[in-house]
């Protein structure tokens, strides 16, 4: 009897430990490989840079993890060939980048972090690329605002100014500084916000905003906290402004 009890207790403890380990190992997320990327002048240059990692048949791609590093891999362990590319720069290939798995879940943590300096291509254009951040905004209520910013990669002395535009100003407008203000809509819709280089209009980037209709938002009386009174006023006023919108398109310039 005592022996059976001990065996049962040991089994339960083992099951609890196993379940605890399973809980620790749920989900992945995060990079297996990180690469530090700097421009020719030594400044961080990860934004707008793409990384592709390969290990046998496994391939994954990613972008900027922050302003300095790019990453990919979803925490899969492996020995990787890593390719780093950015418009206007020579492609960089790194070999035998190690991403060992941990002892608990076999998840990779970036430890073999390489650092590279990008080199311009001989025929690189004056304006290399534009990136709009964030690239997606979801759930902007009527009258509310969100701030876009733009990262322009251009040669020294070349203007980094951009012209902002909204694909439909009845949905949302955008200011010269990239501040987007949602309109009042009878139904929720999305709008594209575009930044175009003043120095080279062929170079552009986009972000999108999903604007919510008042009917899809919580009742005004349920809003609480800082700014709630202003939000309630906008939400109550909005239905009176929602009359047969007409299509418009705006273009405005942002200096840099």
Foldseek 3Di string as FASTA:
>chain_A
DVVVVVVVVVVVVVVVVVVVLVVVQPFFDDFLAKEFEAEPVRHQDQVQKKKWKDAPPDIWIWGDPDSTMIGIDSQAWHQIWMWMDHFQWDIDIDGRQGFFADPRRRGTDHDSYYYDYTDGDPPGDQWGAKDKPPQEAEEAEAFGKDAIAMDTDGDPPQWPKWKKKKQFVCQWGADQRRIIHGHAEPAKDKIKIKIAGPRHRVHIYIHMYIYGHLVVDPQLVPFDDPPSVVVSVRSVCRVVVHDPDDGDMDIGMHGD
